[in-house]
Amino acid sequence: MAILVIFLFGVGNFALHRAVFESGHPLIEQMPWFYHAMNRRLALGVEFLMLVAALLLAAQGAAWAALAYAGYSALGALAGWLILTRRV
């Protein structure tokens, strides 16, 4: 069950990343030069590594991995909501 929860949160995280990148928010344009050099692929790659790590931990029986990834996803969702609704 933990693997399914982590996977669903991961799908949501990737969708949120894409929405934030495509939002055209000025905050994204104000990021440092090295961020633009790394592009979206690195950010999505890091997100993928976080997802894989959480899935591997859950597969090994670490139930706390689902809670930790849910917390990580909640913080990301809050940040994404703030950016997409232009509250920051």
PDB file of N, CA and C in Angstrom:
ATOM      1  N   MET A   1       0.820  -1.191   0.000  1.00  0.00           N
ATOM      2  CA  MET A   1       0.000   0.000   0.000  1.00  0.00           C
ATOM      3  C   MET A   1       0.870   1.263   0.000  1.00  0.00           C
ATOM      4  N   ALA A   2       1.979   1.216   0.743  1.00  0.00           N
ATOM      5  CA  ALA A   2       2.873   2.375   0.800  1.00  0.00           C
ATOM      6  C   ALA A   2       3.449   2.679  -0.576  1.00  0.00           C
ATOM      7  N   ILE A   3       3.740   1.646  -1.352  1.00  0.00           N
ATOM      8  CA  ILE A   3       4.305   1.853  -2.686  1.00  0.00           C
ATOM      9  C   ILE A   3       3.291   2.557  -3.578  1.00  0.00           C
ATOM     10  N   LEU A   4       2.034   2.172  -3.497  1.00  0.00           N
ATOM     11  CA  LEU A   4       0.998   2.812  -4.297  1.00  0.00           C
ATOM     12  C   LEU A   4       0.831   4.280  -3.910  1.00  0.00           C
ATOM     13  N   VAL A   5       0.836   4.557  -2.619  1.00  0.00           N
ATOM     14  CA  VAL A   5       0.703   5.943  -2.150  1.00  0.00           C
ATOM     15  C   VAL A   5       1.872   6.789  -2.638  1.00  0.00           C
ATOM     16  N   ILE A   6       3.070   6.266  -2.514  1.00  0.00           N
ATOM     17  CA  ILE A   6       4.253   7.004  -2.963  1.00  0.00           C
ATOM     18  C   ILE A   6       4.190   7.232  -4.470  1.00  0.00           C
ATOM     19  N   PHE A   7       3.794   6.221  -5.215  1.00  0.00           N
ATOM     20  CA  PHE A   7       3.700   6.367  -6.670  1.00  0.00           C
ATOM     21  C   PHE A   7       2.696   7.448  -7.051  1.00  0.00           C
ATOM     22  N   LEU A   8       1.540   7.464  -6.411  1.00  0.00           N
ATOM     23  CA  LEU A   8       0.523   8.467  -6.727  1.00  0.00           C
ATOM     24  C   LEU A   8       0.996   9.874  -6.364  1.00  0.00           C
ATOM     25  N   PHE A   9       1.666  10.008  -5.229  1.00  0.00           N
ATOM     26  CA  PHE A   9       2.243  11.307  -4.882  1.00  0.00           C
ATOM     27  C   PHE A   9       3.305  11.711  -5.903  1.00  0.00           C
ATOM     28  N   GLY A  10       4.069  10.754  -6.385  1.00  0.00           N
ATOM     29  CA  GLY A  10       5.091  11.041  -7.390  1.00  0.00           C
ATOM     30  C   GLY A  10       4.493  11.552  -8.687  1.00  0.00           C
ATOM     31  N   VAL A  11       3.401  10.947  -9.125  1.00  0.00           N
ATOM     32  CA  VAL A  11       2.716  11.424 -10.329  1.00  0.00           C
ATOM     33  C   VAL A  11       2.257  12.869 -10.127  1.00  0.00           C
ATOM     34  N   GLY A  12       1.704  13.141  -8.960  1.00  0.00           N
ATOM     35  CA  GLY A  12       1.279  14.507  -8.653  1.00  0.00           C
ATOM     36  C   GLY A  12       2.433  15.485  -8.626  1.00  0.00           C
ATOM     37  N   ASN A  13       3.567  15.064  -8.081  1.00  0.00           N
ATOM     38  CA  ASN A  13       4.742  15.937  -8.030  1.00  0.00           C
ATOM     39  C   ASN A  13       5.238  16.286  -9.426  1.00  0.00           C
ATOM     40  N   PHE A  14       5.282  15.289 -10.318  1.00  0.00           N
ATOM     41  CA  PHE A  14       5.731  15.561 -11.681  1.00  0.00           C
ATOM     42  C   PHE A  14       4.767  16.492 -12.405  1.00  0.00           C
ATOM     43  N   ALA A  15       3.479  16.305 -12.211  1.00  0.00           N
ATOM     44  CA  ALA A  15       2.490  17.184 -12.835  1.00  0.00           C
ATOM     45  C   ALA A  15       2.624  18.609 -12.307  1.00  0.00           C
ATOM     46  N   LEU A  16       2.852  18.738 -11.022  1.00  0.00           N
ATOM     47  CA  LEU A  16       3.009  20.063 -10.421  1.00  0.00           C
ATOM     48  C   LEU A  16       4.281  20.746 -10.916  1.00  0.00           C
ATOM     49  N   HIS A  17       5.373  19.992 -11.028  1.00  0.00           N
ATOM     50  CA  HIS A  17       6.613  20.555 -11.557  1.00  0.00           C
ATOM     51  C   HIS A  17       6.382  21.122 -12.956  1.00  0.00           C
ATOM     52  N   ARG A  18       5.726  20.342 -13.784  1.00  0.00           N
ATOM     53  CA  ARG A  18       5.487  20.784 -15.155  1.00  0.00           C
ATOM     54  C   ARG A  18       4.618  22.042 -15.182  1.00  0.00           C
ATOM     55  N   ALA A  19       3.583  22.070 -14.359  1.00  0.00           N
ATOM     56  CA  ALA A  19       2.701  23.234 -14.320  1.00  0.00           C
ATOM     57  C   ALA A  19       3.455  24.480 -13.870  1.00  0.00           C
ATOM     58  N   VAL A  20       4.311  24.337 -12.887  1.00  0.00           N
ATOM     59  CA  VAL A  20       5.082  25.488 -12.403  1.00  0.00           C
ATOM     60  C   VAL A  20       6.055  25.961 -13.475  1.00  0.00           C
ATOM     61  N   PHE A  21       6.740  25.038 -14.144  1.00  0.00           N
ATOM     62  CA  PHE A  21       7.686  25.427 -15.186  1.00  0.00           C
ATOM     63  C   PHE A  21       6.990  26.140 -16.337  1.00  0.00           C
ATOM     64  N   GLU A  22       5.795  25.722 -16.680  1.00  0.00           N
ATOM     65  CA  GLU A  22       5.088  26.296 -17.816  1.00  0.00           C
ATOM     66  C   GLU A  22       4.227  27.494 -17.438  1.00  0.00           C
ATOM     67  N   SER A  23       4.225  27.874 -16.168  1.00  0.00           N
ATOM     68  CA  SER A  23       3.364  28.970 -15.720  1.00  0.00           C
ATOM     69  C   SER A  23       3.852  30.334 -16.189  1.00  0.00           C
ATOM     70  N   GLY A  24       5.126  30.455 -16.489  1.00  0.00           N
ATOM     71  CA  GLY A  24       5.665  31.747 -16.888  1.00  0.00           C
ATOM     72  C   GLY A  24       5.752  32.737 -15.739  1.00  0.00           C
ATOM     73  N   HIS A  25       5.793  32.238 -14.533  1.00  0.00           N
ATOM     74  CA  HIS A  25       5.856  33.091 -13.343  1.00  0.00           C
ATOM     75  C   HIS A  25       7.197  33.826 -13.303  1.00  0.00           C
ATOM     76  N   PRO A  26       7.193  35.096 -12.926  1.00  0.00           N
ATOM     77  CA  PRO A  26       8.449  35.858 -12.858  1.00  0.00           C
ATOM     78  C   PRO A  26       9.471  35.255 -11.894  1.00  0.00           C
ATOM     79  N   LEU A  27       8.996  34.547 -10.890  1.00  0.00           N
ATOM     80  CA  LEU A  27       9.913  33.928  -9.931  1.00  0.00           C
ATOM     81  C   LEU A  27      10.830  32.917 -10.622  1.00  0.00           C
ATOM     82  N   ILE A  28      10.294  32.198 -11.593  1.00  0.00           N
ATOM     83  CA  ILE A  28      11.102  31.221 -12.325  1.00  0.00           C
ATOM     84  C   ILE A  28      12.178  31.943 -13.139  1.00  0.00           C
ATOM     85  N   GLU A  29      11.833  33.087 -13.702  1.00  0.00           N
ATOM     86  CA  GLU A  29      12.791  33.842 -14.499  1.00  0.00           C
ATOM     87  C   GLU A  29      13.870  34.502 -13.645  1.00  0.00           C
ATOM     88  N   GLN A  30      13.615  34.693 -12.370  1.00  0.00           N
ATOM     89  CA  GLN A  30      14.584  35.340 -11.481  1.00  0.00           C
ATOM     90  C   GLN A  30      15.577  34.360 -10.874  1.00  0.00           C
ATOM     91  N   MET A  31      15.464  33.106 -11.213  1.00  0.00           N
ATOM     92  CA  MET A  31      16.389  32.111 -10.668  1.00  0.00           C
ATOM     93  C   MET A  31      17.800  32.402 -11.173  1.00  0.00           C
ATOM     94  N   PRO A  32      18.814  31.998 -10.437  1.00  0.00           N
ATOM     95  CA  PRO A  32      20.202  32.277 -10.846  1.00  0.00           C
ATOM     96  C   PRO A  32      20.546  31.658 -12.202  1.00  0.00           C
ATOM     97  N   TRP A  33      21.625  32.141 -12.798  1.00  0.00           N
ATOM     98  CA  TRP A  33      22.017  31.705 -14.133  1.00  0.00           C
ATOM     99  C   TRP A  33      22.271  30.208 -14.192  1.00  0.00           C
ATOM    100  N   PHE A  34      22.835  29.638 -13.117  1.00  0.00           N
ATOM    101  CA  PHE A  34      23.161  28.211 -13.165  1.00  0.00           C
ATOM    102  C   PHE A  34      21.906  27.352 -13.167  1.00  0.00           C
ATOM    103  N   TYR A  35      20.808  27.890 -12.637  1.00  0.00           N
ATOM    104  CA  TYR A  35      19.560  27.144 -12.685  1.00  0.00           C
ATOM    105  C   TYR A  35      19.087  27.011 -14.130  1.00  0.00           C
ATOM    106  N   HIS A  36      19.167  28.095 -14.869  1.00  0.00           N
ATOM    107  CA  HIS A  36      18.754  28.047 -16.268  1.00  0.00           C
ATOM    108  C   HIS A  36      19.685  27.159 -17.071  1.00  0.00           C
ATOM    109  N   ALA A  37      20.965  27.132 -16.694  1.00  0.00           N
ATOM    110  CA  ALA A  37      21.919  26.281 -17.400  1.00  0.00           C
ATOM    111  C   ALA A  37      21.588  24.804 -17.168  1.00  0.00           C
ATOM    112  N   MET A  38      21.120  24.487 -15.970  1.00  0.00           N
ATOM    113  CA  MET A  38      20.798  23.095 -15.665  1.00  0.00           C
ATOM    114  C   MET A  38      19.486  22.671 -16.304  1.00  0.00           C
ATOM    115  N   ASN A  39      18.614  23.645 -16.527  1.00  0.00           N
ATOM    116  CA  ASN A  39      17.347  23.419 -17.204  1.00  0.00           C
ATOM    117  C   ASN A  39      16.391  22.576 -16.372  1.00  0.00           C
ATOM    118  N   ARG A  40      15.277  22.269 -16.955  1.00  0.00           N
ATOM    119  CA  ARG A  40      14.231  21.518 -16.270  1.00  0.00           C
ATOM    120  C   ARG A  40      14.614  20.061 -16.051  1.00  0.00           C
ATOM    121  N   ARG A  41      15.428  19.543 -16.922  1.00  0.00           N
ATOM    122  CA  ARG A  41      15.751  18.112 -16.853  1.00  0.00           C
ATOM    123  C   ARG A  41      16.408  17.733 -15.539  1.00  0.00           C
ATOM    124  N   LEU A  42      17.282  18.572 -15.053  1.00  0.00           N
ATOM    125  CA  LEU A  42      17.945  18.264 -13.788  1.00  0.00           C
ATOM    126  C   LEU A  42      16.949  18.296 -12.636  1.00  0.00           C
ATOM    127  N   ALA A  43      16.058  19.276 -12.645  1.00  0.00           N
ATOM    128  CA  ALA A  43      15.047  19.354 -11.587  1.00  0.00           C
ATOM    129  C   ALA A  43      14.140  18.123 -11.624  1.00  0.00           C
ATOM    130  N   LEU A  44      13.749  17.715 -12.812  1.00  0.00           N
ATOM    131  CA  LEU A  44      12.916  16.517 -12.928  1.00  0.00           C
ATOM    132  C   LEU A  44      13.717  15.261 -12.597  1.00  0.00           C
ATOM    133  N   GLY A  45      15.006  15.272 -12.893  1.00  0.00           N
ATOM    134  CA  GLY A  45      15.862  14.145 -12.536  1.00  0.00           C
ATOM    135  C   GLY A  45      15.992  13.986 -11.029  1.00  0.00           C
ATOM    136  N   VAL A  46      16.136  15.091 -10.336  1.00  0.00           N
ATOM    137  CA  VAL A  46      16.202  15.052  -8.872  1.00  0.00           C
ATOM    138  C   VAL A  46      14.873  14.562  -8.305  1.00  0.00           C
ATOM    139  N   GLU A  47      13.771  15.033  -8.877  1.00  0.00           N
ATOM    140  CA  GLU A  47      12.450  14.572  -8.446  1.00  0.00           C
ATOM    141  C   GLU A  47      12.307  13.062  -8.654  1.00  0.00           C
ATOM    142  N   PHE A  48      12.817  12.585  -9.779  1.00  0.00           N
ATOM    143  CA  PHE A  48      12.765  11.151 -10.067  1.00  0.00           C
ATOM    144  C   PHE A  48      13.596  10.363  -9.063  1.00  0.00           C
ATOM    145  N   LEU A  49      14.781  10.859  -8.729  1.00  0.00           N
ATOM    146  CA  LEU A  49      15.626  10.171  -7.754  1.00  0.00           C
ATOM    147  C   LEU A  49      14.975  10.121  -6.377  1.00  0.00           C
ATOM    148  N   MET A  50      14.293  11.205  -5.997  1.00  0.00           N
ATOM    149  CA  MET A  50      13.567  11.209  -4.718  1.00  0.00           C
ATOM    150  C   MET A  50      12.464  10.159  -4.731  1.00  0.00           C
ATOM    151  N   LEU A  51      11.756  10.069  -5.847  1.00  0.00           N
ATOM    152  CA  LEU A  51      10.684   9.088  -5.979  1.00  0.00           C
ATOM    153  C   LEU A  51      11.232   7.666  -5.911  1.00  0.00           C
ATOM    154  N   VAL A  52      12.301   7.403  -6.631  1.00  0.00           N
ATOM    155  CA  VAL A  52      12.900   6.068  -6.633  1.00  0.00           C
ATOM    156  C   VAL A  52      13.400   5.704  -5.238  1.00  0.00           C
ATOM    157  N   ALA A  53      14.040   6.638  -4.559  1.00  0.00           N
ATOM    158  CA  ALA A  53      14.536   6.369  -3.208  1.00  0.00           C
ATOM    159  C   ALA A  53      13.390   6.035  -2.262  1.00  0.00           C
ATOM    160  N   ALA A  54      12.310   6.797  -2.333  1.00  0.00           N
ATOM    161  CA  ALA A  54      11.160   6.529  -1.467  1.00  0.00           C
ATOM    162  C   ALA A  54      10.535   5.175  -1.798  1.00  0.00           C
ATOM    163  N   LEU A  55      10.439   4.856  -3.083  1.00  0.00           N
ATOM    164  CA  LEU A  55       9.878   3.561  -3.482  1.00  0.00           C
ATOM    165  C   LEU A  55      10.758   2.403  -3.015  1.00  0.00           C
ATOM    166  N   LEU A  56      12.067   2.560  -3.137  1.00  0.00           N
ATOM    167  CA  LEU A  56      12.983   1.502  -2.684  1.00  0.00           C
ATOM    168  C   LEU A  56      12.911   1.313  -1.172  1.00  0.00           C
ATOM    169  N   LEU A  57      12.832   2.408  -0.439  1.00  0.00           N
ATOM    170  CA  LEU A  57      12.706   2.293   1.012  1.00  0.00           C
ATOM    171  C   LEU A  57      11.399   1.611   1.397  1.00  0.00           C
ATOM    172  N   ALA A  58      10.324   1.965   0.719  1.00  0.00           N
ATOM    173  CA  ALA A  58       9.033   1.342   1.011  1.00  0.00           C
ATOM    174  C   ALA A  58       9.049  -0.143   0.645  1.00  0.00           C
ATOM    175  N   ALA A  59       9.732  -0.479  -0.424  1.00  0.00           N
ATOM    176  CA  ALA A  59       9.818  -1.875  -0.834  1.00  0.00           C
ATOM    177  C   ALA A  59      10.611  -2.708   0.179  1.00  0.00           C
ATOM    178  N   GLN A  60      11.513  -2.058   0.895  1.00  0.00           N
ATOM    179  CA  GLN A  60      12.301  -2.748   1.915  1.00  0.00           C
ATOM    180  C   GLN A  60      11.593  -2.794   3.266  1.00  0.00           C
ATOM    181  N   GLY A  61      10.382  -2.240   3.315  1.00  0.00           N
ATOM    182  CA  GLY A  61       9.596  -2.323   4.539  1.00  0.00           C
ATOM    183  C   GLY A  61       9.613  -1.087   5.409  1.00  0.00           C
ATOM    184  N   ALA A  62      10.209  -0.014   4.935  1.00  0.00           N
ATOM    185  CA  ALA A  62      10.255   1.221   5.717  1.00  0.00           C
ATOM    186  C   ALA A  62       8.958   1.996   5.486  1.00  0.00           C
ATOM    187  N   ALA A  63       7.990   1.787   6.356  1.00  0.00           N
ATOM    188  CA  ALA A  63       6.689   2.454   6.202  1.00  0.00           C
ATOM    189  C   ALA A  63       6.807   3.961   6.377  1.00  0.00           C
ATOM    190  N   TRP A  64       7.806   4.412   7.099  1.00  0.00           N
ATOM    191  CA  TRP A  64       7.999   5.843   7.307  1.00  0.00           C
ATOM    192  C   TRP A  64       8.333   6.552   5.997  1.00  0.00           C
ATOM    193  N   ALA A  65       8.805   5.809   4.993  1.00  0.00           N
ATOM    194  CA  ALA A  65       9.144   6.427   3.708  1.00  0.00           C
ATOM    195  C   ALA A  65       7.908   7.043   3.060  1.00  0.00           C
ATOM    196  N   ALA A  66       6.771   6.389   3.194  1.00  0.00           N
ATOM    197  CA  ALA A  66       5.525   6.931   2.626  1.00  0.00           C
ATOM    198  C   ALA A  66       5.139   8.224   3.344  1.00  0.00           C
ATOM    199  N   LEU A  67       5.294   8.250   4.653  1.00  0.00           N
ATOM    200  CA  LEU A  67       4.977   9.471   5.403  1.00  0.00           C
ATOM    201  C   LEU A  67       5.949  10.601   5.062  1.00  0.00           C
ATOM    202  N   ALA A  68       7.214  10.269   4.936  1.00  0.00           N
ATOM    203  CA  ALA A  68       8.211  11.283   4.601  1.00  0.00           C
ATOM    204  C   ALA A  68       7.961  11.833   3.201  1.00  0.00           C
ATOM    205  N   TYR A  69       7.652  10.959   2.256  1.00  0.00           N
ATOM    206  CA  TYR A  69       7.399  11.415   0.888  1.00  0.00           C
ATOM    207  C   TYR A  69       6.088  12.195   0.810  1.00  0.00           C
ATOM    208  N   ALA A  70       5.116  11.826   1.618  1.00  0.00           N
ATOM    209  CA  ALA A  70       3.857  12.578   1.668  1.00  0.00           C
ATOM    210  C   ALA A  70       4.113  13.985   2.204  1.00  0.00           C
ATOM    211  N   GLY A  71       4.957  14.102   3.224  1.00  0.00           N
ATOM    212  CA  GLY A  71       5.315  15.423   3.740  1.00  0.00           C
ATOM    213  C   GLY A  71       6.056  16.254   2.718  1.00  0.00           C
ATOM    214  N   TYR A  72       6.996  15.623   2.023  1.00  0.00           N
ATOM    215  CA  TYR A  72       7.738  16.286   0.955  1.00  0.00           C
ATOM    216  C   TYR A  72       6.779  16.759  -0.139  1.00  0.00           C
ATOM    217  N   SER A  73       5.821  15.917  -0.478  1.00  0.00           N
ATOM    218  CA  SER A  73       4.844  16.263  -1.516  1.00  0.00           C
ATOM    219  C   SER A  73       3.927  17.391  -1.054  1.00  0.00           C
ATOM    220  N   ALA A  74       3.559  17.384   0.213  1.00  0.00           N
ATOM    221  CA  ALA A  74       2.697  18.446   0.743  1.00  0.00           C
ATOM    222  C   ALA A  74       3.406  19.797   0.696  1.00  0.00           C
ATOM    223  N   LEU A  75       4.678  19.819   1.057  1.00  0.00           N
ATOM    224  CA  LEU A  75       5.432  21.073   0.979  1.00  0.00           C
ATOM    225  C   LEU A  75       5.569  21.537  -0.465  1.00  0.00           C
ATOM    226  N   GLY A  76       5.821  20.609  -1.372  1.00  0.00           N
ATOM    227  CA  GLY A  76       5.905  20.945  -2.789  1.00  0.00           C
ATOM    228  C   GLY A  76       4.580  21.438  -3.337  1.00  0.00           C
ATOM    229  N   ALA A  77       3.483  20.816  -2.886  1.00  0.00           N
ATOM    230  CA  ALA A  77       2.157  21.244  -3.331  1.00  0.00           C
ATOM    231  C   ALA A  77       1.848  22.651  -2.831  1.00  0.00           C
ATOM    232  N   LEU A  78       2.234  22.945  -1.606  1.00  0.00           N
ATOM    233  CA  LEU A  78       2.020  24.289  -1.069  1.00  0.00           C
ATOM    234  C   LEU A  78       2.814  25.320  -1.868  1.00  0.00           C
ATOM    235  N   ALA A  79       4.071  25.019  -2.135  1.00  0.00           N
ATOM    236  CA  ALA A  79       4.905  25.938  -2.908  1.00  0.00           C
ATOM    237  C   ALA A  79       4.348  26.106  -4.321  1.00  0.00           C
ATOM    238  N   GLY A  80       3.945  25.000  -4.942  1.00  0.00           N
ATOM    239  CA  GLY A  80       3.371  25.075  -6.281  1.00  0.00           C
ATOM    240  C   GLY A  80       2.085  25.875  -6.312  1.00  0.00           C
ATOM    241  N   TRP A  81       1.247  25.689  -5.313  1.00  0.00           N
ATOM    242  CA  TRP A  81      -0.004  26.444  -5.233  1.00  0.00           C
ATOM    243  C   TRP A  81       0.281  27.932  -5.092  1.00  0.00           C
ATOM    244  N   LEU A  82       1.258  28.275  -4.257  1.00  0.00           N
ATOM    245  CA  LEU A  82       1.609  29.685  -4.069  1.00  0.00           C
ATOM    246  C   LEU A  82       2.109  30.296  -5.376  1.00  0.00           C
ATOM    247  N   ILE A  83       2.907  29.546  -6.131  1.00  0.00           N
ATOM    248  CA  ILE A  83       3.439  30.052  -7.390  1.00  0.00           C
ATOM    249  C   ILE A  83       2.348  30.136  -8.450  1.00  0.00           C
ATOM    250  N   LEU A  84       1.552  29.097  -8.582  1.00  0.00           N
ATOM    251  CA  LEU A  84       0.541  29.068  -9.638  1.00  0.00           C
ATOM    252  C   LEU A  84      -0.590  30.062  -9.415  1.00  0.00           C
ATOM    253  N   THR A  85      -0.895  30.367  -8.174  1.00  0.00           N
ATOM    254  CA  THR A  85      -1.946  31.344  -7.892  1.00  0.00           C
ATOM    255  C   THR A  85      -1.380  32.757  -7.756  1.00  0.00           C
ATOM    256  N   ARG A  86      -0.073  32.893  -8.021  1.00  0.00           N
ATOM    257  CA  ARG A  86       0.617  34.189  -7.997  1.00  0.00           C
ATOM    258  C   ARG A  86       0.504  34.886  -6.646  1.00  0.00           C
ATOM    259  N   ARG A  87       0.587  34.108  -5.593  1.00  0.00           N
ATOM    260  CA  ARG A  87       0.562  34.691  -4.244  1.00  0.00           C
ATOM    261  C   ARG A  87       1.967  35.065  -3.784  1.00  0.00           C
ATOM    262  N   VAL A  88       2.970  34.629  -4.514  1.00  0.00           N
ATOM    263  CA  VAL A  88       4.348  35.034  -4.229  1.00  0.00           C
ATOM    264  C   VAL A  88       4.933  35.712  -5.447  1.00  0.00           C
TER     265      VAL A  88
END
